[in-house]
């Protein structure tokens, strides 16, 4: 960008003349005045902000726009011209973008101004309580900002771009601690978050390879072809009933989050297609300390899990070199119980109009309503075909197409084995050791029923599924367990029971009851609690 001339007395005079005036886009004089404003003080403000971004590499301009107008006020039909310019400067990867430094000029006060500010109105993610915290920390009782530096019009001739940029950078550095303190204070009042995951086509049970990941050589996934969160849902690895994983967005301001719990909505981006998807939610996720992360790494190494993870990286086609040398906090920074992981069996595509499409980095965002977290259970409505679908009959015998569905969760095989072992032990204590058989031949090919129980002269079939979504578990199990009992024209078992690690919510209970009543089949669902090694009631 070419260096513009510095702010001048003429800039302020023109600005003062047209500020607050209605703008008629059909009036050539109005358009010319607006263009002079946009190409003058607004462009200069943008240049100033970009130079600060270059001077302070830890900071960035937050979506600067030459927003020169205000919406019509009551009684007026046209927009009016703002009496100020401004640009927002935030710390890179800031957990909240509604606290920021602003810089610009004010035609009312006739000043060039830099201040530490917050978003009090308009499109703000701050709660009322968080706004009150910001007001207490950033605004004096007389309404003027606590942390502000101004150059009055009378002193403007003493300055140029070099002195203004240097003074602005110094102001930001001098008040950086205060800025971080405000962020920490409002973070303490927000426990619902959004976190991005690196792309994974294997349900975050193990690395899936470079496909769908960033090619940016400056990023870890671009360099190595995997991310440390790719085991986030591998529930075969539990320590004291908790699963330990990694979330990249926690790296920034880690000390702010350690020791706290959050409900974290998860989403991911396929870097090849650019599409974004909702993945699910972690409830009551605890951010662990650095000391605990080192202990967990040692335990993973002792159990052979670290070596297994390294082998999985290599098998996926990614670069495993240096994996075991990472510090514990770069491998484990969050823990949660498997029952608190609520995952969608098919990822839900995010509308391109969603503000998440503007978030480019791994940032631990406040889960604001504007991000429109998905409504999973929606009423069924018939969707009429589009005109293009109506015109295309697809009757050409040579016609073929590939239909791409949303990515789905995958089964956690090692967790399946653990549940099978513990469930078998539990069932033997109920029915007797000789009446419970795991991996029982199904009688058709090499198929095997997970567990068969002989209850006097009757049989009970158990089919275990360990997908990260309860609906996926039930969907995948139903066809198998019905075939085992009824193919080709039999009814071998008195009860058919689907088992997973997920607790049944009310919609699932209603669904199972509806299937039994509608089709008169003895089909049930039970949840096996790996913590207590107990089986729930039948639903």
Protein backbone atom coordinates (compact mmCIF):
# COMPACT_ATOMS: atom_id res chain seq x y z
CA UNK A 1 0.00 0.00 0.00
CA UNK A 2 1.38 3.40 -0.98
CA UNK A 3 2.06 5.70 1.97
CA UNK A 4 -0.71 8.32 2.07
CA UNK A 5 -0.22 11.88 3.26
CA UNK A 6 -0.54 12.36 7.01
CA UNK A 7 -3.78 13.56 8.67
CA UNK A 8 -4.25 17.26 7.96
CA UNK A 9 -6.29 20.24 9.09
CA UNK A 10 -8.16 20.03 5.77
CA UNK A 11 -9.12 16.40 6.54
CA UNK A 12 -10.77 17.48 9.79
CA UNK A 13 -12.50 20.46 8.21
CA UNK A 14 -14.04 18.30 5.46
CA UNK A 15 -14.99 15.61 7.96
CA UNK A 16 -16.65 18.10 10.33
CA UNK A 17 -18.58 19.61 7.41
CA UNK A 18 -20.24 16.33 6.33
CA UNK A 19 -20.43 14.36 9.62
CA UNK A 20 -23.99 13.41 10.66
CA UNK A 21 -25.35 14.51 7.26
CA UNK A 22 -27.77 12.30 5.38
CA UNK A 23 -26.21 10.63 2.36
CA UNK A 24 -28.16 10.34 -0.86
CA UNK A 25 -26.42 7.94 -3.21
CA UNK A 26 -28.27 9.51 -6.15
CA UNK A 27 -26.80 12.94 -5.44
CA UNK A 28 -23.43 13.44 -7.24
CA UNK A 29 -22.29 16.01 -4.65
CA UNK A 30 -23.00 13.56 -1.83
CA UNK A 31 -21.17 10.78 -3.64
CA UNK A 32 -18.14 13.00 -4.26
CA UNK A 33 -18.03 14.06 -0.59
CA UNK A 34 -18.32 10.45 0.54
CA UNK A 35 -15.56 9.34 -1.84
CA UNK A 36 -13.29 12.09 -0.53
CA UNK A 37 -13.96 10.81 2.98
CA UNK A 38 -13.37 7.15 2.14
CA UNK A 39 -10.25 7.81 0.08
CA UNK A 40 -9.01 10.30 2.66
CA UNK A 41 -9.34 9.80 6.42
CA UNK A 42 -10.70 6.26 6.18
CA UNK A 43 -7.85 5.08 3.93
CA UNK A 44 -5.37 6.82 6.20
CA UNK A 45 -6.86 5.07 9.23
CA UNK A 46 -6.53 1.73 7.43
CA UNK A 47 -2.88 2.48 6.61
CA UNK A 48 -2.21 3.40 10.25
CA UNK A 49 -3.75 0.12 11.45
CA UNK A 50 -1.79 -1.99 8.95
CA UNK A 51 1.47 -0.34 10.03
CA UNK A 52 0.70 -1.24 13.65
CA UNK A 53 0.13 -4.83 12.54
CA UNK A 54 3.59 -4.82 10.95
CA UNK A 55 5.18 -3.20 14.02
CA UNK A 56 3.57 -5.56 16.57
CA UNK A 57 3.73 -9.11 15.14
CA UNK A 58 1.60 -10.52 18.00
CA UNK A 59 -1.30 -8.27 17.00
CA UNK A 60 -3.54 -7.98 13.97
CA UNK A 61 -6.20 -5.76 12.45
CA UNK A 62 -9.62 -7.26 13.10
CA UNK A 63 -11.55 -7.05 9.82
CA UNK A 64 -11.10 -3.32 9.09
CA UNK A 65 -13.81 -1.94 6.86
CA UNK A 66 -14.35 1.61 5.69
CA UNK A 67 -17.67 1.71 7.52
CA UNK A 68 -18.31 5.41 6.94
CA UNK A 69 -22.10 5.39 7.46
CA UNK A 70 -24.62 4.81 10.22
CA UNK A 71 -28.03 3.25 9.67
CA UNK A 72 -30.97 5.65 9.27
CA UNK A 73 -32.24 7.16 12.49
CA UNK A 74 -35.92 7.57 13.21
CA UNK A 75 -37.54 10.05 10.87
CA UNK A 76 -34.81 9.79 8.22
CA UNK A 77 -34.76 7.55 5.17
CA UNK A 78 -31.07 7.72 4.26
CA UNK A 79 -27.93 6.63 6.06
CA UNK A 80 -25.91 9.30 7.86
CA UNK A 81 -22.15 9.81 7.87
CA UNK A 82 -20.27 8.75 11.00
CA UNK A 83 -18.33 11.49 12.82
CA UNK A 84 -15.33 9.24 13.38
CA UNK A 85 -13.08 6.61 11.81
CA UNK A 86 -11.83 3.57 13.64
CA UNK A 87 -9.96 0.30 13.29
CA UNK A 88 -9.75 -2.52 15.81
CA UNK A 89 -6.46 -4.09 16.86
CA UNK A 90 -6.55 -7.41 18.73
CA UNK A 91 -3.99 -9.91 19.88
CA UNK A 92 -3.67 -12.86 17.47
CA UNK A 93 -5.74 -15.84 18.63
CA UNK A 94 -7.45 -13.68 21.25
CA UNK A 95 -10.11 -15.70 23.05
CA UNK A 96 -12.57 -12.83 22.70
CA UNK A 97 -12.61 -10.27 19.89
CA UNK A 98 -14.98 -7.89 21.65
CA UNK A 99 -12.20 -6.36 23.76
CA UNK A 100 -9.70 -4.48 21.62
CA UNK A 101 -7.56 -1.42 20.99
CA UNK A 102 -9.10 1.12 18.63
CA UNK A 103 -7.45 3.87 16.66
CA UNK A 104 -8.94 6.60 14.50
CA UNK A 105 -9.92 10.26 14.35
CA UNK A 106 -12.97 12.00 15.86
CA UNK A 107 -14.39 15.02 14.01
CA UNK A 108 -16.53 16.08 17.01
CA UNK A 109 -13.66 16.17 19.50
CA UNK A 110 -11.09 17.15 16.85
CA UNK A 111 -8.61 14.53 18.00
CA UNK A 112 -6.57 11.58 16.82
CA UNK A 113 -7.27 8.87 19.37
CA UNK A 114 -6.03 5.45 20.53
CA UNK A 115 -7.81 3.62 23.35
CA UNK A 116 -8.50 0.27 25.01
CA UNK A 117 -12.19 -0.39 24.41
CA UNK A 118 -14.91 -3.04 24.20
CA UNK A 119 -18.00 -3.79 22.11
CA UNK A 120 -20.86 -2.46 24.20
CA UNK A 121 -23.59 -2.52 21.56
CA UNK A 122 -24.41 -3.92 18.16
CA UNK A 123 -23.11 -7.34 17.18
CA UNK A 124 -21.39 -8.20 20.49
CA UNK A 125 -20.73 -11.68 21.85
CA UNK A 126 -20.31 -10.34 25.37
CA UNK A 127 -22.94 -11.22 27.94
CA UNK A 128 -24.48 -8.46 30.06
CA UNK A 129 -22.27 -9.55 32.97
CA UNK A 130 -19.15 -9.45 30.78
CA UNK A 131 -20.08 -5.99 29.50
CA UNK A 132 -20.42 -4.82 33.09
CA UNK A 133 -16.94 -6.19 33.87
CA UNK A 134 -15.50 -4.35 30.86
CA UNK A 135 -17.23 -1.13 31.85
CA UNK A 136 -15.83 -1.33 35.39
CA UNK A 137 -12.30 -1.97 34.14
CA UNK A 138 -12.16 0.30 31.09
CA UNK A 139 -14.49 3.28 31.64
CA UNK A 140 -14.35 6.06 34.24
CA UNK A 141 -17.45 7.13 36.14
CA UNK A 142 -17.66 10.24 33.93
CA UNK A 143 -17.96 8.01 30.83
CA UNK A 144 -14.44 8.69 29.49
CA UNK A 145 -12.04 5.83 28.84
CA UNK A 146 -9.44 4.94 31.47
CA UNK A 147 -6.79 3.92 28.94
CA UNK A 148 -6.63 6.46 26.14
CA UNK A 149 -4.15 8.70 24.34
CA UNK A 150 -5.12 11.61 22.12
CA UNK A 151 -3.47 14.12 19.84
CA UNK A 152 -5.53 17.32 19.69
CA UNK A 153 -5.86 19.10 16.38
CA UNK A 154 -3.67 21.91 17.73
CA UNK A 155 -0.74 19.47 18.09
CA UNK A 156 -1.24 17.64 14.81
CA UNK A 157 1.54 19.56 13.04
CA UNK A 158 4.08 18.15 15.54
CA UNK A 159 3.46 14.61 14.27
CA UNK A 160 3.92 12.44 11.20
CA UNK A 161 3.38 8.77 10.43
CA UNK A 162 6.59 7.70 12.16
CA UNK A 163 5.79 9.43 15.43
CA UNK A 164 2.12 8.35 15.40
CA UNK A 165 2.92 4.70 14.68
CA UNK A 166 5.64 4.64 17.35
CA UNK A 167 3.34 6.26 19.94
CA UNK A 168 0.49 3.87 19.10
CA UNK A 169 2.71 0.78 19.37
CA UNK A 170 4.06 2.03 22.71
CA UNK A 171 0.52 2.64 24.00
CA UNK A 172 -0.52 -0.92 23.12
CA UNK A 173 2.59 -2.46 24.69
CA UNK A 174 2.21 -0.30 27.82
CA UNK A 175 -1.37 -1.49 28.31
CA UNK A 176 -0.95 -5.08 27.18
CA UNK A 177 -1.13 -6.41 30.75
CA UNK A 178 -4.38 -4.54 31.36
CA UNK A 179 -5.79 -5.86 28.07
CA UNK A 180 -4.93 -9.44 29.01
CA UNK A 181 -6.39 -8.90 32.48
CA UNK A 182 -9.72 -7.80 31.04
CA UNK A 183 -9.77 -10.83 28.73
CA UNK A 184 -9.08 -13.14 31.68
CA UNK A 185 -11.80 -11.49 33.76
CA UNK A 186 -14.45 -12.00 31.10
CA UNK A 187 -13.22 -15.53 30.35
CA UNK A 188 -13.95 -16.43 33.97
CA UNK A 189 -17.59 -15.69 33.17
CA UNK A 190 -17.89 -17.80 30.01
CA UNK A 191 -17.90 -21.59 29.99
CA UNK A 192 -19.50 -22.35 26.62
CA UNK A 193 -16.91 -22.43 23.86
CA UNK A 194 -16.21 -23.36 20.26
CA UNK A 195 -13.09 -25.23 19.21
CA UNK A 196 -11.87 -26.24 15.78
CA UNK A 197 -10.44 -29.71 15.15
CA UNK A 198 -8.02 -30.65 12.39
CA UNK A 199 -9.73 -32.65 9.63
CA UNK A 200 -10.07 -36.38 10.32
CA UNK A 201 -11.99 -39.03 8.38
CA UNK A 202 -11.67 -41.71 11.08
CA UNK A 203 -13.76 -40.14 13.79
CA UNK A 204 -10.77 -38.73 15.72
CA UNK A 205 -9.96 -42.25 16.92
CA UNK A 206 -6.62 -42.27 15.10
CA UNK A 207 -4.82 -40.17 12.45
CA UNK A 208 -6.42 -40.33 9.01
CA UNK A 209 -3.50 -38.95 6.98
CA UNK A 210 -2.87 -35.69 5.12
CA UNK A 211 -6.12 -35.70 3.10
CA UNK A 212 -8.35 -32.76 3.99
CA UNK A 213 -5.65 -31.03 6.01
CA UNK A 214 -3.85 -27.76 5.44
CA UNK A 215 -0.88 -27.61 3.08
CA UNK A 216 0.47 -24.53 4.86
CA UNK A 217 4.11 -25.27 5.59
CA UNK A 218 3.97 -22.91 8.58
CA UNK A 219 1.41 -25.13 10.36
CA UNK A 220 2.01 -28.42 12.18
CA UNK A 221 -0.55 -30.33 10.11
CA UNK A 222 0.91 -28.87 6.91
CA UNK A 223 4.41 -30.00 7.90
CA UNK A 224 3.58 -33.38 9.43
CA UNK A 225 0.22 -34.37 7.91
CA UNK A 226 -1.53 -34.91 11.24
CA UNK A 227 -2.75 -32.99 14.30
CA UNK A 228 -2.37 -33.89 17.96
CA UNK A 229 -6.16 -33.88 18.41
CA UNK A 230 -6.65 -36.88 16.10
CA UNK A 231 -7.01 -39.21 19.13
CA UNK A 232 -9.56 -36.97 20.83
CA UNK A 233 -12.27 -39.66 20.73
CA UNK A 234 -10.16 -42.81 21.19
CA UNK A 235 -11.94 -44.04 24.30
CA UNK A 236 -9.92 -47.25 24.38
CA UNK A 237 -7.40 -45.24 26.40
CA UNK A 238 -8.83 -44.28 29.79
CA UNK A 239 -6.99 -43.30 32.97
CA UNK A 240 -9.11 -43.31 36.14
CA UNK A 241 -12.23 -43.22 33.95
CA UNK A 242 -11.09 -40.09 32.08
CA UNK A 243 -9.98 -39.77 28.49
CA UNK A 244 -7.16 -37.31 27.87
CA UNK A 245 -6.89 -35.44 24.59
CA UNK A 246 -5.66 -32.30 22.92
CA UNK A 247 -7.34 -29.18 21.54
CA UNK A 248 -5.20 -26.85 19.45
CA UNK A 249 -7.17 -23.66 20.35
CA UNK A 250 -6.13 -24.04 24.00
CA UNK A 251 -2.48 -23.34 23.17
CA UNK A 252 -3.09 -19.60 23.19
CA UNK A 253 -3.46 -18.13 26.70
CA UNK A 254 -3.24 -21.62 28.20
CA UNK A 255 -2.73 -20.29 31.73
CA UNK A 256 -6.10 -18.55 31.47
CA UNK A 257 -7.94 -21.83 30.96
CA UNK A 258 -5.97 -24.36 33.06
CA UNK A 259 -8.03 -25.70 35.95
CA UNK A 260 -11.37 -24.66 34.45
CA UNK A 261 -14.21 -26.64 32.86
CA UNK A 262 -16.08 -25.85 29.65
CA UNK A 263 -18.82 -27.17 27.40
CA UNK A 264 -17.03 -27.16 24.06
CA UNK A 265 -18.83 -27.29 20.70
CA UNK A 266 -16.56 -28.89 18.11
CA UNK A 267 -16.28 -28.13 14.40
CA UNK A 268 -13.84 -28.98 11.64
CA UNK A 269 -12.76 -27.73 8.21
CA UNK A 270 -11.90 -29.77 5.14
CA UNK A 271 -9.12 -27.62 3.71
CA UNK A 272 -9.56 -29.11 0.22
CA UNK A 273 -13.30 -28.44 -0.11
CA UNK A 274 -13.26 -25.46 2.32
CA UNK A 275 -16.47 -26.82 3.87
CA UNK A 276 -17.02 -26.61 7.60
CA UNK A 277 -18.88 -29.18 9.71
CA UNK A 278 -20.28 -29.44 13.22
CA UNK A 279 -18.80 -32.52 14.90
CA UNK A 280 -20.39 -32.58 18.35
CA UNK A 281 -19.85 -31.33 21.88
CA UNK A 282 -17.68 -32.13 24.90
CA UNK A 283 -19.54 -31.40 28.13
CA UNK A 284 -17.69 -30.72 31.39
CA UNK A 285 -14.31 -30.82 29.64
CA UNK A 286 -11.56 -30.00 32.14
CA UNK A 287 -8.44 -28.11 31.08
CA UNK A 288 -5.55 -29.84 32.85
CA UNK A 289 -2.37 -28.31 34.28
CA UNK A 290 1.05 -28.56 32.64
CA UNK A 291 2.21 -30.81 35.50
CA UNK A 292 -0.71 -33.20 34.95
CA UNK A 293 -0.06 -33.28 31.20
CA UNK A 294 3.51 -34.46 31.86
CA UNK A 295 2.23 -37.19 34.20
CA UNK A 296 -0.24 -38.37 31.55
CA UNK A 297 2.48 -38.50 28.91
CA UNK A 298 4.59 -40.70 31.22
CA UNK A 299 1.63 -43.01 31.83
CA UNK A 300 0.89 -43.27 28.10
CA UNK A 301 4.53 -44.16 27.52
CA UNK A 302 4.47 -46.79 30.29
CA UNK A 303 1.33 -48.41 28.88
CA UNK A 304 2.73 -48.48 25.34
CA UNK A 305 0.05 -46.11 24.09
CA UNK A 306 2.50 -43.44 22.97
CA UNK A 307 4.28 -45.96 20.74
CA UNK A 308 0.91 -47.12 19.39
CA UNK A 309 0.01 -43.52 18.51
CA UNK A 310 3.34 -43.04 16.78
CA UNK A 311 2.77 -46.22 14.74
CA UNK A 312 -0.69 -44.97 13.77
CA UNK A 313 0.77 -41.70 12.48
CA UNK A 314 3.17 -43.63 10.27
CA UNK A 315 0.45 -46.02 9.05
CA UNK A 316 -1.72 -43.05 8.02
CA UNK A 317 0.98 -41.78 5.67
CA UNK A 318 1.85 -38.81 7.87
CA UNK A 319 5.27 -37.91 9.28
CA UNK A 320 5.76 -39.36 12.78
CA UNK A 321 9.29 -38.03 13.32
CA UNK A 322 9.70 -36.12 16.57
CA UNK A 323 6.28 -37.16 17.95
CA UNK A 324 7.60 -38.63 21.21
CA UNK A 325 9.70 -35.51 21.86
CA UNK A 326 6.72 -33.20 22.25
CA UNK A 327 6.10 -31.88 25.75
CA UNK A 328 3.10 -33.29 27.57
CA UNK A 329 1.11 -30.08 27.27
CA UNK A 330 1.42 -30.31 23.46
CA UNK A 331 -0.12 -33.79 23.50
CA UNK A 332 -2.66 -33.56 26.33
CA UNK A 333 -4.44 -30.45 27.58
CA UNK A 334 -8.03 -31.55 28.19
CA UNK A 335 -9.80 -34.45 29.89
CA UNK A 336 -13.40 -35.63 29.98
CA UNK A 337 -15.46 -38.76 30.53
CA UNK A 338 -16.66 -40.66 27.45
CA UNK A 339 -20.29 -40.20 28.51
CA UNK A 340 -19.80 -36.44 28.22
CA UNK A 341 -18.85 -36.62 24.54
CA UNK A 342 -21.97 -35.94 22.47
CA UNK A 343 -21.05 -36.59 18.84
CA UNK A 344 -23.18 -36.40 15.72
CA UNK A 345 -23.23 -39.69 13.80
CA UNK A 346 -23.00 -37.68 10.59
CA UNK A 347 -21.25 -34.34 10.65
CA UNK A 348 -23.61 -31.43 10.08
CA UNK A 349 -22.53 -29.06 7.32
CA UNK A 350 -22.29 -25.45 8.46
CA UNK A 351 -24.09 -22.83 6.39
CA UNK A 352 -21.55 -20.78 4.38
CA UNK A 353 -23.25 -17.65 5.74
CA UNK A 354 -22.34 -18.65 9.30
CA UNK A 355 -19.75 -16.27 10.87
CA UNK A 356 -17.54 -19.32 11.51
CA UNK A 357 -16.49 -19.06 7.86
CA UNK A 358 -14.67 -15.86 8.81
CA UNK A 359 -12.68 -17.57 11.57
CA UNK A 360 -9.41 -18.67 9.97
CA UNK A 361 -7.37 -19.75 12.97
CA UNK A 362 -7.66 -22.27 15.80
CA UNK A 363 -9.34 -19.97 18.33
CA UNK A 364 -11.12 -20.84 21.59
CA UNK A 365 -14.24 -18.82 20.83
CA UNK A 366 -17.18 -17.95 23.02
CA UNK A 367 -20.14 -20.03 21.84
CA UNK A 368 -22.33 -17.10 20.88
CA UNK A 369 -25.86 -17.63 19.47
CA UNK A 370 -24.64 -16.01 16.23
CA UNK A 371 -22.69 -19.20 15.44
CA UNK A 372 -25.99 -21.15 15.28
CA UNK A 373 -24.96 -24.43 16.88
CA UNK A 374 -27.07 -27.14 15.21
CA UNK A 375 -30.53 -28.32 16.11
CA UNK A 376 -30.03 -32.06 15.78
CA UNK A 377 -33.60 -33.26 16.27
CA UNK A 378 -35.73 -31.44 13.69
CA UNK A 379 -39.26 -32.27 12.51
CA UNK A 380 -39.41 -34.17 9.23
CA UNK A 381 -40.61 -32.20 6.24
CA UNK A 382 -40.78 -33.37 2.63
CA UNK A 383 -38.43 -31.30 0.50
CA UNK A 384 -39.62 -30.83 -3.06
CA UNK A 385 -37.06 -31.51 -5.80
CA UNK A 386 -35.32 -28.55 -7.36
CA UNK A 387 -36.07 -27.55 -10.96
CA UNK A 388 -32.72 -29.04 -12.01
CA UNK A 389 -33.62 -32.36 -10.38
CA UNK A 390 -37.02 -32.38 -12.09
CA UNK A 391 -35.45 -31.77 -15.51
CA UNK A 392 -32.89 -34.56 -15.05
CA UNK A 393 -34.34 -38.09 -15.30
CA UNK A 394 -30.97 -39.93 -15.03
CA UNK A 395 -32.31 -42.78 -17.21
CA UNK A 396 -29.22 -43.03 -19.40
CA UNK A 397 -27.96 -46.64 -18.96
CA UNK A 398 -24.41 -45.30 -18.99
CA UNK A 399 -25.19 -42.70 -16.33
CA UNK A 400 -23.26 -42.92 -13.10
CA UNK A 401 -22.47 -40.53 -10.29
CA UNK A 402 -20.66 -40.44 -7.02
CA UNK A 403 -22.77 -39.15 -4.15
CA UNK A 404 -20.77 -37.60 -1.32
CA UNK A 405 -22.41 -37.85 2.07
CA UNK A 406 -21.34 -35.95 5.15
CA UNK A 407 -18.45 -37.62 6.99
CA UNK A 408 -19.52 -40.13 9.64
CA UNK A 409 -18.18 -41.35 12.94
CA UNK A 410 -16.25 -44.62 13.09
CA UNK A 411 -16.26 -47.43 15.63
CA UNK A 412 -13.63 -47.56 18.35
CA UNK A 413 -12.49 -51.18 18.05
CA UNK A 414 -10.31 -51.41 21.16
CA UNK A 415 -13.07 -49.86 23.26
CA UNK A 416 -15.44 -52.46 21.80
CA UNK A 417 -13.16 -55.21 23.11
CA UNK A 418 -12.98 -53.67 26.58
CA UNK A 419 -16.76 -53.38 26.86
CA UNK A 420 -17.14 -56.96 25.62
CA UNK A 421 -14.75 -58.26 28.28
CA UNK A 422 -16.30 -56.36 31.17
CA UNK A 423 -19.86 -57.01 30.00
CA UNK A 424 -19.14 -60.75 29.71
CA UNK A 425 -17.82 -60.75 33.28
CA UNK A 426 -20.91 -58.92 34.47
CA UNK A 427 -23.29 -61.27 32.66
CA UNK A 428 -21.49 -64.36 34.02
CA UNK A 429 -22.12 -63.08 37.54
CA UNK A 430 -25.83 -62.90 36.69
CA UNK A 431 -26.40 -66.03 34.54
CA UNK A 432 -23.48 -68.27 35.50
CA UNK A 433 -20.08 -68.76 33.88
CA UNK A 434 -21.18 -71.57 31.58
CA UNK A 435 -24.18 -69.66 30.24
CA UNK A 436 -22.32 -66.71 28.65
CA UNK A 437 -20.36 -66.99 25.42
CA UNK A 438 -18.55 -64.08 23.73
CA UNK A 439 -17.89 -64.08 19.97
CA UNK A 440 -20.53 -66.76 19.45
CA UNK A 441 -20.86 -68.13 15.87
CA UNK A 442 -23.96 -66.68 14.23
CA UNK A 443 -24.53 -69.72 12.04
CA UNK A 444 -24.17 -67.76 8.80
CA UNK A 445 -20.71 -67.63 7.27
CA UNK A 446 -18.02 -66.32 9.60
CA UNK A 447 -20.32 -63.86 11.36
CA UNK A 448 -20.21 -63.80 15.14
CA UNK A 449 -22.61 -62.48 17.75
CA UNK A 450 -20.79 -60.32 20.31
CA UNK A 451 -22.30 -62.10 23.33
CA UNK A 452 -24.93 -64.84 23.65
CA UNK A 453 -26.55 -65.67 26.99
CA UNK A 454 -28.47 -68.88 27.69
CA UNK A 455 -31.25 -68.11 30.15
CA UNK A 456 -32.77 -71.50 30.96
CA UNK A 457 -34.10 -72.61 27.57
CA UNK A 458 -34.09 -69.11 26.05
CA UNK A 459 -31.35 -67.10 24.36
CA UNK A 460 -30.41 -63.41 24.65
CA UNK A 461 -28.27 -61.79 21.94
CA UNK A 462 -26.06 -58.78 22.72
CA UNK A 463 -24.62 -56.61 19.97
CA UNK A 464 -21.99 -54.08 21.12
CA UNK A 465 -21.26 -50.88 19.20
CA UNK A 466 -18.78 -48.18 20.20
CA UNK A 467 -19.34 -45.40 17.70
CA UNK A 468 -19.04 -41.92 19.17
CA UNK A 469 -22.76 -41.32 18.55
CA UNK A 470 -25.54 -43.34 20.19
CA UNK A 471 -27.70 -43.11 17.05
CA UNK A 472 -24.87 -44.53 14.96
CA UNK A 473 -24.48 -47.39 17.45
CA UNK A 474 -28.16 -48.30 17.23
CA UNK A 475 -28.37 -47.87 13.46
CA UNK A 476 -25.38 -50.10 12.77
CA UNK A 477 -26.47 -52.76 15.26
CA UNK A 478 -30.12 -53.19 14.29
CA UNK A 479 -29.56 -54.86 10.92
CA UNK A 480 -26.97 -57.26 12.31
CA UNK A 481 -28.85 -58.36 15.40
CA UNK A 482 -32.12 -58.84 13.50
CA UNK A 483 -30.32 -60.98 10.92
CA UNK A 484 -28.67 -63.10 13.62
CA UNK A 485 -32.01 -63.94 15.19
CA UNK A 486 -34.46 -64.02 12.26
CA UNK A 487 -32.61 -65.08 9.08
CA UNK A 488 -33.98 -66.77 7.07
CA UNK A 489 -37.27 -67.50 8.86
CA UNK A 490 -36.47 -68.11 12.53
CA UNK A 491 -36.79 -66.36 15.88
CA UNK A 492 -33.82 -67.64 17.88
CA UNK A 493 -33.55 -65.11 20.71
CA UNK A 494 -36.14 -64.01 23.23
CA UNK A 495 -34.37 -60.64 23.56
CA UNK A 496 -32.13 -58.63 21.23
CA UNK A 497 -30.07 -56.07 23.14
CA UNK A 498 -27.89 -53.32 21.70
CA UNK A 499 -25.15 -52.11 24.04
CA UNK A 500 -22.90 -49.04 23.86
CA UNK A 501 -21.05 -46.65 26.14
CA UNK A 502 -23.70 -43.93 25.75
CA UNK A 503 -26.47 -43.20 28.22
CA UNK A 504 -29.91 -43.22 26.61
CA UNK A 505 -31.68 -39.86 26.52
CA UNK A 506 -35.45 -39.49 26.28
CA UNK A 507 -35.63 -39.49 22.43
CA UNK A 508 -33.66 -42.78 22.35
CA UNK A 509 -35.90 -44.35 25.00
CA UNK A 510 -38.97 -43.28 23.03
CA UNK A 511 -37.44 -44.63 19.81
CA UNK A 512 -36.74 -48.10 21.23
CA UNK A 513 -40.21 -48.32 22.74
CA UNK A 514 -41.76 -47.23 19.44
CA UNK A 515 -39.86 -49.93 17.50
CA UNK A 516 -41.08 -52.66 19.88
CA UNK A 517 -44.67 -51.49 19.76
CA UNK A 518 -44.76 -50.89 16.01
CA UNK A 519 -43.01 -54.06 14.83
CA UNK A 520 -43.51 -56.41 17.78
CA UNK A 521 -39.80 -57.29 18.08
CA UNK A 522 -37.99 -57.79 21.42
CA UNK A 523 -35.37 -55.11 20.71
CA UNK A 524 -33.80 -53.17 23.58
CA UNK A 525 -30.97 -50.77 24.33
CA UNK A 526 -28.66 -50.80 27.35
CA UNK A 527 -25.77 -48.58 28.38
CA UNK A 528 -22.65 -50.18 29.88
CA UNK A 529 -20.94 -47.90 32.38
CA UNK A 530 -17.19 -48.51 32.09
CA UNK A 531 -16.56 -46.58 35.31
CA UNK A 532 -18.85 -48.65 37.52
CA UNK A 533 -18.77 -51.79 35.30
CA UNK A 534 -22.57 -51.91 35.44
CA UNK A 535 -25.37 -52.34 32.91
CA UNK A 536 -28.27 -49.90 32.79
CA UNK A 537 -31.94 -50.75 32.68
CA UNK A 538 -33.36 -51.92 29.37
CA UNK A 539 -35.00 -49.29 27.18
